[in-house]
Amino acid sequence: MKQVTEGFIPVTGGNVYYRKTGDGPGIPLLVLHGGPGGMSRESDPLRMLGDNRPVIHYDQLGCGNSDRPEDLSLWTVERYVEELAQVREALGLEEVHILGHSWGTMLAAAYLLEQPTGVKSVIFSSPCLNSRMWERDQREYLKDLPQESQDIIERSERDKTTDSDEYHHAMIQFYERHVCRLLPWPQELLDNMKRSNHAIYGFMWGASEFTVTGTLQDFDVTERLKEIVIPSLFTCGNFDEATPKTTEYYASLVPGSEFHIFENSSHMPGVEEPETYATRVREFLNNQSK
């Protein structure tokens, strides 16, 4: 059993929960979960890497086991970047590898563009680095749903009835194709989705994966990705919301980056192909200096 340390860290706006797994000799890996409003997973296969290096997960403010203040002014990219720096400082992570998943890649990119010291590499797992490109890709996927489901989604969003049962059912069809193709979904994933902070998601993103109306609607760092000069790995699933075409495009903008597709996954390769996912991340990290 790998050594596990848990605790809370004071950040701007409250306290955030963290979990450190393992005490391997390598440079620690810091994981930024998806969302916004999501949380870290207790069964994340990346924890298996603890024999190589400490693996640190934390629930961003407002999420999971962290404090849940209701001040909307806290839900900005800038404050989450500040929070990430505060977590690093509190845990003494002078040198660190960073892995972001989904919204976590937006946070990782914004943080790296501040030119922090000591970050040895970055992994963009199922990335969203341009909100409008993401929205466009999901709209293309929607065309593959049954026409009835497309009509329900369009009507519900137009009439602002996205809390209806029929909209939820149509969304499930989309999720089972492009979020997690492992059926039935693991109970932990279902539980975590119920615990998601929908207020943050709605404020920062919008009503659904394919309609961006929140404060992130104009997020776009593609023009600045060339400024990321540390070793970088871009990954996605073959059926991912973060499409292989778009993910490979992002990778092409970062000098010397690597690109990998998990053939049997959508947006949750850590759930759908946990061992393959952990192995690819382990290989990339072990190929760095430490």
Foldseek 3Di string as FASTA:
>chain_A
DWDKDWDWFDAVPFIKIKIKTAAAPDQEEEEAEAFVQFADFPVQLLSVCRNHHIYMYIGQECHDPTDNDPDPVCLDLVRSLRVVVRVCVVVVRQAYEYEYAEVGLCSVVVNVVVVDPRHQEYEYALYDQFLVVLLVLVVVVLVPDPPVLNVVCVVCVVVVVCVDPSNVVSVVVSCCQAVWVDPPADPSVVVRVVRGDVVSNCQAARSDSNDGDHVCNGRHCQVPLCVDAHEYEYEFECRESSHLVNSVVSQVSHPPYHYYYHDQTHRCCCRHVVVVVSVVVSVSSVPTPD
